[in-house]
């Protein structure tokens, strides 16, 4: 029964990642068309910072509800459904920017995910960086519970939510504060910061240090912010105007698949080995990935 529940949660997480990728891509293209006078860097800052704010507030509110309110496994979903209703109404009232929607009845529910052949070579760098940045977030989210409760003896769900909230807020502030950093430099800096980020997470787990955990949280936030924003800005710049939604959706799917894999992987490895061994294995994979991507990026930086 337990294994079946875990498998269901893993499948739900992957499907959620795909859904978020498609929805966020369309939303980003929509914002670009609603703000035609804005440059692509401003659009990237708006979309990426709000994404992290949503992640942070969701984690914080979930932790508070699970710790201090009744129905710890149900109330948060009830509240989330209520929020979805409000968001749906707001979307319904927002101006449509597509003159002639396709599909049955003028509305198409079929997701369009593709990268035109003429930009595929330039799409690789931001997609790889986005994948790595969100894989780092996924690694942190998967490792944090196994650090707080067993290592730091902190079982308060509100503290866990607040810690992830810290990472998201640091990421959102970093996106705004570093908005003038060129997208290429931002992506390279993100790849470089992934290495000390995962090392700090593992060190916090092995040494059972809350101070190291807080430092790791901040470092992960800055790395994720730079990679996510820099990659999205490049994608916004190279995407054809009439196919922006499907190109940006492809980028977001790369990001959120990267986000889901460490969570699922660490859960599986932890079933057969210790949580420390699982964290070390995935930390090594992320470090290797970052080094290869960083070397490739520096070699072809022009």
C-alpha atoms as a PDB file:
ATOM      1  CA  UNK A   1       0.000   0.000   0.000  1.00  0.00           C
ATOM      2  CA  UNK A   2       2.786   2.421   0.961  1.00  0.00           C
ATOM      3  CA  UNK A   3       4.718   1.731  -2.259  1.00  0.00           C
ATOM      4  CA  UNK A   4       1.559   2.303  -4.292  1.00  0.00           C
ATOM      5  CA  UNK A   5       0.952   5.639  -2.581  1.00  0.00           C
ATOM      6  CA  UNK A   6       4.530   6.754  -3.200  1.00  0.00           C
ATOM      7  CA  UNK A   7       4.281   5.738  -6.866  1.00  0.00           C
ATOM      8  CA  UNK A   8       1.033   7.688  -7.214  1.00  0.00           C
ATOM      9  CA  UNK A   9       2.665  10.767  -5.722  1.00  0.00           C
ATOM     10  CA  UNK A  10       5.657  10.448  -8.063  1.00  0.00           C
ATOM     11  CA  UNK A  11       3.369  10.136 -11.107  1.00  0.00           C
ATOM     12  CA  UNK A  12       1.340  13.122  -9.891  1.00  0.00           C
ATOM     13  CA  UNK A  13       4.523  15.171  -9.483  1.00  0.00           C
ATOM     14  CA  UNK A  14       5.702  14.389 -13.025  1.00  0.00           C
ATOM     15  CA  UNK A  15       2.273  15.161 -14.520  1.00  0.00           C
ATOM     16  CA  UNK A  16       2.174  18.389 -12.526  1.00  0.00           C
ATOM     17  CA  UNK A  17       5.576  19.323 -13.913  1.00  0.00           C
ATOM     18  CA  UNK A  18       4.373  18.786 -17.475  1.00  0.00           C
ATOM     19  CA  UNK A  19       1.191  20.760 -16.793  1.00  0.00           C
ATOM     20  CA  UNK A  20       3.136  23.623 -15.234  1.00  0.00           C
ATOM     21  CA  UNK A  21       5.509  23.647 -18.203  1.00  0.00           C
ATOM     22  CA  UNK A  22       2.682  23.976 -20.716  1.00  0.00           C
ATOM     23  CA  UNK A  23       0.745  26.529 -18.658  1.00  0.00           C
ATOM     24  CA  UNK A  24       3.766  28.643 -17.737  1.00  0.00           C
ATOM     25  CA  UNK A  25       4.918  28.728 -21.363  1.00  0.00           C
ATOM     26  CA  UNK A  26       1.558  30.004 -22.545  1.00  0.00           C
ATOM     27  CA  UNK A  27       1.429  32.499 -19.688  1.00  0.00           C
ATOM     28  CA  UNK A  28       4.882  33.859 -20.531  1.00  0.00           C
ATOM     29  CA  UNK A  29       3.941  34.309 -24.192  1.00  0.00           C
ATOM     30  CA  UNK A  30       0.697  35.956 -23.082  1.00  0.00           C
ATOM     31  CA  UNK A  31       2.562  38.464 -20.882  1.00  0.00           C
ATOM     32  CA  UNK A  32       4.906  39.250 -23.779  1.00  0.00           C
ATOM     33  CA  UNK A  33       1.918  40.067 -25.969  1.00  0.00           C
ATOM     34  CA  UNK A  34       0.114  42.029 -23.243  1.00  0.00           C
ATOM     35  CA  UNK A  35       3.269  44.146 -22.802  1.00  0.00           C
ATOM     36  CA  UNK A  36       4.440  44.652 -26.391  1.00  0.00           C
ATOM     37  CA  UNK A  37       6.427  47.764 -25.460  1.00  0.00           C
ATOM     38  CA  UNK A  38       8.477  45.888 -22.839  1.00  0.00           C
ATOM     39  CA  UNK A  39      11.786  44.267 -23.708  1.00  0.00           C
ATOM     40  CA  UNK A  40      12.289  40.549 -23.308  1.00  0.00           C
ATOM     41  CA  UNK A  41      14.436  40.939 -20.183  1.00  0.00           C
ATOM     42  CA  UNK A  42      11.589  42.684 -18.357  1.00  0.00           C
ATOM     43  CA  UNK A  43       9.147  39.939 -19.333  1.00  0.00           C
ATOM     44  CA  UNK A  44      11.599  37.289 -18.134  1.00  0.00           C
ATOM     45  CA  UNK A  45      12.025  39.078 -14.793  1.00  0.00           C
ATOM     46  CA  UNK A  46       8.256  39.318 -14.263  1.00  0.00           C
ATOM     47  CA  UNK A  47       7.510  35.691 -15.098  1.00  0.00           C
ATOM     48  CA  UNK A  48      10.442  34.053 -13.304  1.00  0.00           C
ATOM     49  CA  UNK A  49      10.186  36.140 -10.121  1.00  0.00           C
ATOM     50  CA  UNK A  50       6.444  35.503  -9.809  1.00  0.00           C
ATOM     51  CA  UNK A  51       7.024  31.772 -10.359  1.00  0.00           C
ATOM     52  CA  UNK A  52       9.415  31.657  -7.414  1.00  0.00           C
ATOM     53  CA  UNK A  53       7.113  33.806  -5.285  1.00  0.00           C
ATOM     54  CA  UNK A  54       4.314  31.323  -5.939  1.00  0.00           C
ATOM     55  CA  UNK A  55       6.542  28.400  -4.988  1.00  0.00           C
ATOM     56  CA  UNK A  56       7.692  30.150  -1.824  1.00  0.00           C
ATOM     57  CA  UNK A  57       4.295  31.249  -0.559  1.00  0.00           C
ATOM     58  CA  UNK A  58       2.839  27.838  -1.401  1.00  0.00           C
ATOM     59  CA  UNK A  59       5.475  26.101   0.714  1.00  0.00           C
ATOM     60  CA  UNK A  60       5.119  28.577   3.588  1.00  0.00           C
ATOM     61  CA  UNK A  61       1.316  28.403   3.736  1.00  0.00           C
ATOM     62  CA  UNK A  62       1.358  24.609   3.392  1.00  0.00           C
ATOM     63  CA  UNK A  63       3.790  24.275   6.282  1.00  0.00           C
ATOM     64  CA  UNK A  64       1.734  26.569   8.513  1.00  0.00           C
ATOM     65  CA  UNK A  65      -1.526  24.777   7.716  1.00  0.00           C
ATOM     66  CA  UNK A  66       0.009  21.313   8.204  1.00  0.00           C
ATOM     67  CA  UNK A  67       1.484  22.298  11.558  1.00  0.00           C
ATOM     68  CA  UNK A  68      -1.168  24.459  13.166  1.00  0.00           C
ATOM     69  CA  UNK A  69      -4.516  23.748  11.498  1.00  0.00           C
ATOM     70  CA  UNK A  70      -6.756  20.629  11.296  1.00  0.00           C
ATOM     71  CA  UNK A  71      -6.728  18.170   8.357  1.00  0.00           C
ATOM     72  CA  UNK A  72      -2.967  18.547   7.678  1.00  0.00           C
ATOM     73  CA  UNK A  73      -3.116  16.402   4.518  1.00  0.00           C
ATOM     74  CA  UNK A  74      -6.375  17.837   3.143  1.00  0.00           C
ATOM     75  CA  UNK A  75      -6.861  21.474   4.109  1.00  0.00           C
ATOM     76  CA  UNK A  76      -4.015  22.704   1.918  1.00  0.00           C
ATOM     77  CA  UNK A  77      -5.587  21.086  -1.168  1.00  0.00           C
ATOM     78  CA  UNK A  78      -8.984  22.586  -0.361  1.00  0.00           C
ATOM     79  CA  UNK A  79      -7.391  26.032  -0.120  1.00  0.00           C
ATOM     80  CA  UNK A  80      -5.456  25.447  -3.327  1.00  0.00           C
ATOM     81  CA  UNK A  81      -8.630  24.521  -5.218  1.00  0.00           C
ATOM     82  CA  UNK A  82     -10.211  27.762  -3.991  1.00  0.00           C
ATOM     83  CA  UNK A  83      -7.198  29.715  -5.266  1.00  0.00           C
ATOM     84  CA  UNK A  84      -7.492  27.956  -8.634  1.00  0.00           C
ATOM     85  CA  UNK A  85     -11.102  29.112  -8.913  1.00  0.00           C
ATOM     86  CA  UNK A  86     -10.052  32.728  -8.329  1.00  0.00           C
ATOM     87  CA  UNK A  87      -7.188  32.449 -10.845  1.00  0.00           C
ATOM     88  CA  UNK A  88      -9.541  30.922 -13.418  1.00  0.00           C
ATOM     89  CA  UNK A  89     -11.918  33.882 -13.072  1.00  0.00           C
ATOM     90  CA  UNK A  90      -9.035  36.338 -13.463  1.00  0.00           C
ATOM     91  CA  UNK A  91      -7.792  34.516 -16.561  1.00  0.00           C
ATOM     92  CA  UNK A  92     -11.266  34.498 -18.040  1.00  0.00           C
ATOM     93  CA  UNK A  93     -11.454  38.290 -17.674  1.00  0.00           C
ATOM     94  CA  UNK A  94      -7.986  38.977 -19.097  1.00  0.00           C
ATOM     95  CA  UNK A  95      -7.765  40.284 -22.645  1.00  0.00           C
ATOM     96  CA  UNK A  96      -7.112  37.644 -25.314  1.00  0.00           C
ATOM     97  CA  UNK A  97      -4.119  38.469 -27.506  1.00  0.00           C
ATOM     98  CA  UNK A  98      -4.635  35.837 -30.212  1.00  0.00           C
ATOM     99  CA  UNK A  99      -6.869  37.237 -32.943  1.00  0.00           C
ATOM    100  CA  UNK A 100      -8.023  33.911 -34.369  1.00  0.00           C
ATOM    101  CA  UNK A 101      -7.694  30.991 -31.918  1.00  0.00           C
ATOM    102  CA  UNK A 102      -7.675  27.612 -33.625  1.00  0.00           C
ATOM    103  CA  UNK A 103      -9.440  24.389 -32.734  1.00  0.00           C
ATOM    104  CA  UNK A 104     -13.045  23.357 -32.230  1.00  0.00           C
ATOM    105  CA  UNK A 105     -15.248  26.331 -31.440  1.00  0.00           C
ATOM    106  CA  UNK A 106     -12.284  28.683 -31.743  1.00  0.00           C
ATOM    107  CA  UNK A 107     -10.571  27.153 -28.701  1.00  0.00           C
ATOM    108  CA  UNK A 108      -7.867  24.506 -28.847  1.00  0.00           C
ATOM    109  CA  UNK A 109      -7.010  22.473 -25.749  1.00  0.00           C
ATOM    110  CA  UNK A 110      -4.240  20.539 -27.509  1.00  0.00           C
ATOM    111  CA  UNK A 111      -0.837  21.577 -26.143  1.00  0.00           C
ATOM    112  CA  UNK A 112       1.608  22.868 -28.742  1.00  0.00           C
ATOM    113  CA  UNK A 113       5.172  21.985 -27.762  1.00  0.00           C
ATOM    114  CA  UNK A 114       7.905  22.360 -30.363  1.00  0.00           C
ATOM    115  CA  UNK A 115      11.183  24.082 -31.149  1.00  0.00           C
ATOM    116  CA  UNK A 116      11.507  25.298 -34.760  1.00  0.00           C
ATOM    117  CA  UNK A 117      14.451  23.816 -36.606  1.00  0.00           C
ATOM    118  CA  UNK A 118      16.081  27.193 -37.244  1.00  0.00           C
ATOM    119  CA  UNK A 119      16.551  27.918 -33.503  1.00  0.00           C
ATOM    120  CA  UNK A 120      17.224  24.415 -32.160  1.00  0.00           C
ATOM    121  CA  UNK A 121      20.984  24.912 -31.911  1.00  0.00           C
ATOM    122  CA  UNK A 122      20.523  28.122 -29.892  1.00  0.00           C
ATOM    123  CA  UNK A 123      17.792  26.531 -27.770  1.00  0.00           C
ATOM    124  CA  UNK A 124      20.139  23.884 -26.313  1.00  0.00           C
ATOM    125  CA  UNK A 125      22.110  26.201 -23.986  1.00  0.00           C
ATOM    126  CA  UNK A 126      19.131  27.800 -22.191  1.00  0.00           C
ATOM    127  CA  UNK A 127      17.292  24.457 -22.033  1.00  0.00           C
ATOM    128  CA  UNK A 128      20.284  22.713 -20.432  1.00  0.00           C
ATOM    129  CA  UNK A 129      20.799  25.584 -17.976  1.00  0.00           C
ATOM    130  CA  UNK A 130      17.115  25.689 -17.060  1.00  0.00           C
ATOM    131  CA  UNK A 131      17.104  21.921 -16.572  1.00  0.00           C
ATOM    132  CA  UNK A 132      20.128  22.163 -14.274  1.00  0.00           C
ATOM    133  CA  UNK A 133      18.766  25.129 -12.300  1.00  0.00           C
ATOM    134  CA  UNK A 134      15.466  23.430 -11.548  1.00  0.00           C
ATOM    135  CA  UNK A 135      17.192  20.100 -10.906  1.00  0.00           C
ATOM    136  CA  UNK A 136      19.074  21.949  -8.173  1.00  0.00           C
ATOM    137  CA  UNK A 137      15.762  23.161  -6.716  1.00  0.00           C
ATOM    138  CA  UNK A 138      14.415  19.613  -6.896  1.00  0.00           C
ATOM    139  CA  UNK A 139      17.529  18.239  -5.206  1.00  0.00           C
ATOM    140  CA  UNK A 140      17.174  20.786  -2.404  1.00  0.00           C
ATOM    141  CA  UNK A 141      13.458  20.046  -1.972  1.00  0.00           C
ATOM    142  CA  UNK A 142      14.155  16.301  -1.817  1.00  0.00           C
ATOM    143  CA  UNK A 143      17.138  16.528   0.533  1.00  0.00           C
ATOM    144  CA  UNK A 144      15.720  19.101   2.954  1.00  0.00           C
ATOM    145  CA  UNK A 145      13.213  16.784   4.702  1.00  0.00           C
ATOM    146  CA  UNK A 146      15.896  14.141   5.296  1.00  0.00           C
ATOM    147  CA  UNK A 147      18.090  16.827   6.856  1.00  0.00           C
ATOM    148  CA  UNK A 148      15.572  18.625   9.053  1.00  0.00           C
ATOM    149  CA  UNK A 149      13.916  15.700  10.817  1.00  0.00           C
ATOM    150  CA  UNK A 150      16.590  12.964  11.154  1.00  0.00           C
ATOM    151  CA  UNK A 151      19.716  15.166  11.276  1.00  0.00           C
ATOM    152  CA  UNK A 152      18.594  18.450  12.845  1.00  0.00           C
ATOM    153  CA  UNK A 153      15.723  16.906  14.840  1.00  0.00           C
ATOM    154  CA  UNK A 154      13.394  19.630  13.545  1.00  0.00           C
ATOM    155  CA  UNK A 155       9.930  18.184  12.934  1.00  0.00           C
ATOM    156  CA  UNK A 156       7.960  21.431  12.722  1.00  0.00           C
ATOM    157  CA  UNK A 157       6.324  21.582   9.269  1.00  0.00           C
ATOM    158  CA  UNK A 158       6.174  25.364   9.429  1.00  0.00           C
ATOM    159  CA  UNK A 159       9.976  25.514   9.739  1.00  0.00           C
ATOM    160  CA  UNK A 160      10.325  23.300   6.657  1.00  0.00           C
ATOM    161  CA  UNK A 161       7.964  25.556   4.729  1.00  0.00           C
ATOM    162  CA  UNK A 162       9.792  28.670   5.915  1.00  0.00           C
ATOM    163  CA  UNK A 163      13.129  27.255   4.777  1.00  0.00           C
ATOM    164  CA  UNK A 164      11.863  26.662   1.237  1.00  0.00           C
ATOM    165  CA  UNK A 165      10.216  30.096   1.393  1.00  0.00           C
ATOM    166  CA  UNK A 166      13.673  31.537   2.109  1.00  0.00           C
ATOM    167  CA  UNK A 167      15.079  29.950  -1.038  1.00  0.00           C
ATOM    168  CA  UNK A 168      12.195  31.206  -3.186  1.00  0.00           C
ATOM    169  CA  UNK A 169      12.379  34.754  -1.807  1.00  0.00           C
ATOM    170  CA  UNK A 170      16.158  34.853  -2.295  1.00  0.00           C
ATOM    171  CA  UNK A 171      15.608  33.688  -5.878  1.00  0.00           C
ATOM    172  CA  UNK A 172      12.925  36.313  -6.562  1.00  0.00           C
ATOM    173  CA  UNK A 173      15.053  39.118  -5.080  1.00  0.00           C
ATOM    174  CA  UNK A 174      18.102  37.916  -7.025  1.00  0.00           C
ATOM    175  CA  UNK A 175      16.135  37.954 -10.276  1.00  0.00           C
ATOM    176  CA  UNK A 176      15.128  41.590  -9.760  1.00  0.00           C
ATOM    177  CA  UNK A 177      18.477  42.740  -8.362  1.00  0.00           C
ATOM    178  CA  UNK A 178      20.513  41.046 -11.133  1.00  0.00           C
ATOM    179  CA  UNK A 179      18.151  41.826 -14.002  1.00  0.00           C
ATOM    180  CA  UNK A 180      20.831  43.830 -15.819  1.00  0.00           C
ATOM    181  CA  UNK A 181      23.276  40.898 -15.907  1.00  0.00           C
ATOM    182  CA  UNK A 182      23.539  39.575 -19.469  1.00  0.00           C
ATOM    183  CA  UNK A 183      21.695  36.322 -20.035  1.00  0.00           C
ATOM    184  CA  UNK A 184      24.855  34.429 -21.095  1.00  0.00           C
ATOM    185  CA  UNK A 185      26.757  35.558 -17.985  1.00  0.00           C
ATOM    186  CA  UNK A 186      23.752  34.725 -15.809  1.00  0.00           C
ATOM    187  CA  UNK A 187      23.607  31.167 -17.180  1.00  0.00           C
ATOM    188  CA  UNK A 188      27.347  30.612 -16.710  1.00  0.00           C
ATOM    189  CA  UNK A 189      27.195  32.010 -13.158  1.00  0.00           C
ATOM    190  CA  UNK A 190      24.263  29.698 -12.388  1.00  0.00           C
ATOM    191  CA  UNK A 191      26.184  26.639 -13.544  1.00  0.00           C
ATOM    192  CA  UNK A 192      29.185  27.669 -11.437  1.00  0.00           C
ATOM    193  CA  UNK A 193      27.031  28.289  -8.328  1.00  0.00           C
ATOM    194  CA  UNK A 194      25.370  24.868  -8.596  1.00  0.00           C
ATOM    195  CA  UNK A 195      28.586  23.244  -7.350  1.00  0.00           C
ATOM    196  CA  UNK A 196      28.949  25.055  -3.978  1.00  0.00           C
ATOM    197  CA  UNK A 197      25.156  24.878  -3.553  1.00  0.00           C
ATOM    198  CA  UNK A 198      24.956  21.079  -3.588  1.00  0.00           C
ATOM    199  CA  UNK A 199      28.151  20.798  -1.530  1.00  0.00           C
ATOM    200  CA  UNK A 200      26.623  23.033   1.148  1.00  0.00           C
ATOM    201  CA  UNK A 201      23.438  20.938   1.199  1.00  0.00           C
ATOM    202  CA  UNK A 202      25.425  17.718   1.658  1.00  0.00           C
ATOM    203  CA  UNK A 203      27.654  19.343   4.267  1.00  0.00           C
ATOM    204  CA  UNK A 204      24.582  20.497   6.214  1.00  0.00           C
ATOM    205  CA  UNK A 205      23.259  16.927   6.128  1.00  0.00           C
ATOM    206  CA  UNK A 206      26.494  15.268   7.218  1.00  0.00           C
ATOM    207  CA  UNK A 207      27.391  17.858   9.898  1.00  0.00           C
ATOM    208  CA  UNK A 208      23.775  18.387  11.039  1.00  0.00           C
ATOM    209  CA  UNK A 209      24.209  22.156  10.865  1.00  0.00           C
ATOM    210  CA  UNK A 210      21.258  24.543  10.595  1.00  0.00           C
ATOM    211  CA  UNK A 211      23.631  27.419   9.781  1.00  0.00           C
ATOM    212  CA  UNK A 212      25.004  25.509   6.786  1.00  0.00           C
ATOM    213  CA  UNK A 213      21.443  24.642   5.762  1.00  0.00           C
ATOM    214  CA  UNK A 214      20.438  28.303   5.759  1.00  0.00           C
ATOM    215  CA  UNK A 215      23.556  29.193   3.728  1.00  0.00           C
ATOM    216  CA  UNK A 216      22.839  26.349   1.293  1.00  0.00           C
ATOM    217  CA  UNK A 217      19.272  27.583   0.908  1.00  0.00           C
ATOM    218  CA  UNK A 218      20.419  31.079  -0.050  1.00  0.00           C
ATOM    219  CA  UNK A 219      23.074  29.769  -2.456  1.00  0.00           C
ATOM    220  CA  UNK A 220      20.549  27.481  -4.169  1.00  0.00           C
ATOM    221  CA  UNK A 221      18.171  30.423  -4.520  1.00  0.00           C
ATOM    222  CA  UNK A 222      20.720  32.614  -6.292  1.00  0.00           C
ATOM    223  CA  UNK A 223      21.863  29.796  -8.607  1.00  0.00           C
ATOM    224  CA  UNK A 224      18.308  28.846  -9.529  1.00  0.00           C
ATOM    225  CA  UNK A 225      17.386  32.488 -10.139  1.00  0.00           C
ATOM    226  CA  UNK A 226      20.274  33.150 -12.502  1.00  0.00           C
ATOM    227  CA  UNK A 227      19.810  29.953 -14.487  1.00  0.00           C
ATOM    228  CA  UNK A 228      16.044  30.173 -14.739  1.00  0.00           C
ATOM    229  CA  UNK A 229      15.897  33.880 -15.657  1.00  0.00           C
ATOM    230  CA  UNK A 230      18.897  33.791 -17.998  1.00  0.00           C
ATOM    231  CA  UNK A 231      17.611  30.755 -19.875  1.00  0.00           C
ATOM    232  CA  UNK A 232      14.098  32.132 -20.244  1.00  0.00           C
ATOM    233  CA  UNK A 233      15.385  35.477 -21.503  1.00  0.00           C
ATOM    234  CA  UNK A 234      17.356  33.766 -24.263  1.00  0.00           C
ATOM    235  CA  UNK A 235      14.344  31.648 -25.221  1.00  0.00           C
ATOM    236  CA  UNK A 236      12.141  34.755 -25.362  1.00  0.00           C
ATOM    237  CA  UNK A 237      14.682  36.455 -27.606  1.00  0.00           C
ATOM    238  CA  UNK A 238      15.127  33.623 -30.108  1.00  0.00           C
ATOM    239  CA  UNK A 239      11.509  32.392 -30.284  1.00  0.00           C
ATOM    240  CA  UNK A 240       9.518  33.467 -33.372  1.00  0.00           C
ATOM    241  CA  UNK A 241       6.646  35.749 -32.381  1.00  0.00           C
ATOM    242  CA  UNK A 242       3.993  33.426 -33.830  1.00  0.00           C
ATOM    243  CA  UNK A 243       5.412  30.352 -32.047  1.00  0.00           C
ATOM    244  CA  UNK A 244       6.581  31.830 -28.772  1.00  0.00           C
ATOM    245  CA  UNK A 245       4.119  29.905 -26.590  1.00  0.00           C
ATOM    246  CA  UNK A 246       5.195  26.474 -27.824  1.00  0.00           C
ATOM    247  CA  UNK A 247       8.915  27.301 -27.645  1.00  0.00           C
ATOM    248  CA  UNK A 248       8.661  28.727 -24.119  1.00  0.00           C
ATOM    249  CA  UNK A 249       6.524  25.738 -23.088  1.00  0.00           C
ATOM    250  CA  UNK A 250       9.294  23.433 -24.329  1.00  0.00           C
ATOM    251  CA  UNK A 251      11.778  25.356 -22.169  1.00  0.00           C
ATOM    252  CA  UNK A 252       9.556  25.110 -19.082  1.00  0.00           C
ATOM    253  CA  UNK A 253       9.019  21.392 -19.608  1.00  0.00           C
ATOM    254  CA  UNK A 254      12.814  20.929 -19.620  1.00  0.00           C
ATOM    255  CA  UNK A 255      12.950  22.924 -16.370  1.00  0.00           C
ATOM    256  CA  UNK A 256      10.224  21.064 -14.516  1.00  0.00           C
ATOM    257  CA  UNK A 257      11.300  17.626 -15.697  1.00  0.00           C
ATOM    258  CA  UNK A 258      14.673  18.522 -14.210  1.00  0.00           C
ATOM    259  CA  UNK A 259      12.866  19.621 -11.052  1.00  0.00           C
ATOM    260  CA  UNK A 260      10.988  16.315 -10.701  1.00  0.00           C
ATOM    261  CA  UNK A 261      13.810  13.855 -11.396  1.00  0.00           C
ATOM    262  CA  UNK A 262      15.915  14.426  -8.235  1.00  0.00           C
ATOM    263  CA  UNK A 263      12.825  14.237  -6.023  1.00  0.00           C
ATOM    264  CA  UNK A 264      11.748  10.917  -7.513  1.00  0.00           C
ATOM    265  CA  UNK A 265      15.321   9.612  -7.696  1.00  0.00           C
ATOM    266  CA  UNK A 266      16.278  10.448  -4.124  1.00  0.00           C
ATOM    267  CA  UNK A 267      13.039   8.881  -2.916  1.00  0.00           C
ATOM    268  CA  UNK A 268      13.789   5.646  -4.773  1.00  0.00           C
ATOM    269  CA  UNK A 269      17.456   5.475  -3.737  1.00  0.00           C
ATOM    270  CA  UNK A 270      16.571   6.255  -0.106  1.00  0.00           C
ATOM    271  CA  UNK A 271      14.306   3.207  -0.105  1.00  0.00           C
ATOM    272  CA  UNK A 272      17.287   0.908  -0.683  1.00  0.00           C
ATOM    273  CA  UNK A 273      20.097   2.963   0.874  1.00  0.00           C
ATOM    274  CA  UNK A 274      20.536   5.742   3.417  1.00  0.00           C
ATOM    275  CA  UNK A 275      19.346   9.279   2.761  1.00  0.00           C
ATOM    276  CA  UNK A 276      22.951  10.477   2.945  1.00  0.00           C
ATOM    277  CA  UNK A 277      23.984   8.013   0.225  1.00  0.00           C
ATOM    278  CA  UNK A 278      21.088   9.178  -1.952  1.00  0.00           C
ATOM    279  CA  UNK A 279      22.028  12.833  -1.463  1.00  0.00           C
ATOM    280  CA  UNK A 280      25.689  12.123  -2.245  1.00  0.00           C
ATOM    281  CA  UNK A 281      24.756  10.253  -5.420  1.00  0.00           C
ATOM    282  CA  UNK A 282      22.572  13.024  -6.783  1.00  0.00           C
ATOM    283  CA  UNK A 283      24.937  15.750  -5.604  1.00  0.00           C
ATOM    284  CA  UNK A 284      27.694  14.055  -7.594  1.00  0.00           C
ATOM    285  CA  UNK A 285      25.447  13.906 -10.657  1.00  0.00           C
ATOM    286  CA  UNK A 286      24.556  17.602 -10.425  1.00  0.00           C
ATOM    287  CA  UNK A 287      28.210  18.597  -9.933  1.00  0.00           C
ATOM    288  CA  UNK A 288      29.251  16.530 -12.955  1.00  0.00           C
ATOM    289  CA  UNK A 289      26.407  17.993 -15.014  1.00  0.00           C
ATOM    290  CA  UNK A 290      27.337  21.557 -13.995  1.00  0.00           C
ATOM    291  CA  UNK A 291      31.040  21.042 -14.802  1.00  0.00           C
ATOM    292  CA  UNK A 292      30.317  19.601 -18.256  1.00  0.00           C
ATOM    293  CA  UNK A 293      27.761  22.289 -19.092  1.00  0.00           C
ATOM    294  CA  UNK A 294      30.020  25.044 -17.747  1.00  0.00           C
ATOM    295  CA  UNK A 295      32.987  23.776 -19.763  1.00  0.00           C
ATOM    296  CA  UNK A 296      30.882  23.591 -22.909  1.00  0.00           C
ATOM    297  CA  UNK A 297      29.486  27.074 -22.281  1.00  0.00           C
ATOM    298  CA  UNK A 298      32.911  28.624 -21.754  1.00  0.00           C
ATOM    299  CA  UNK A 299      34.297  26.920 -24.853  1.00  0.00           C
ATOM    300  CA  UNK A 300      31.459  28.176 -27.052  1.00  0.00           C
ATOM    301  CA  UNK A 301      30.759  31.428 -25.187  1.00  0.00           C
ATOM    302  CA  UNK A 302      30.664  33.486 -28.394  1.00  0.00           C
END
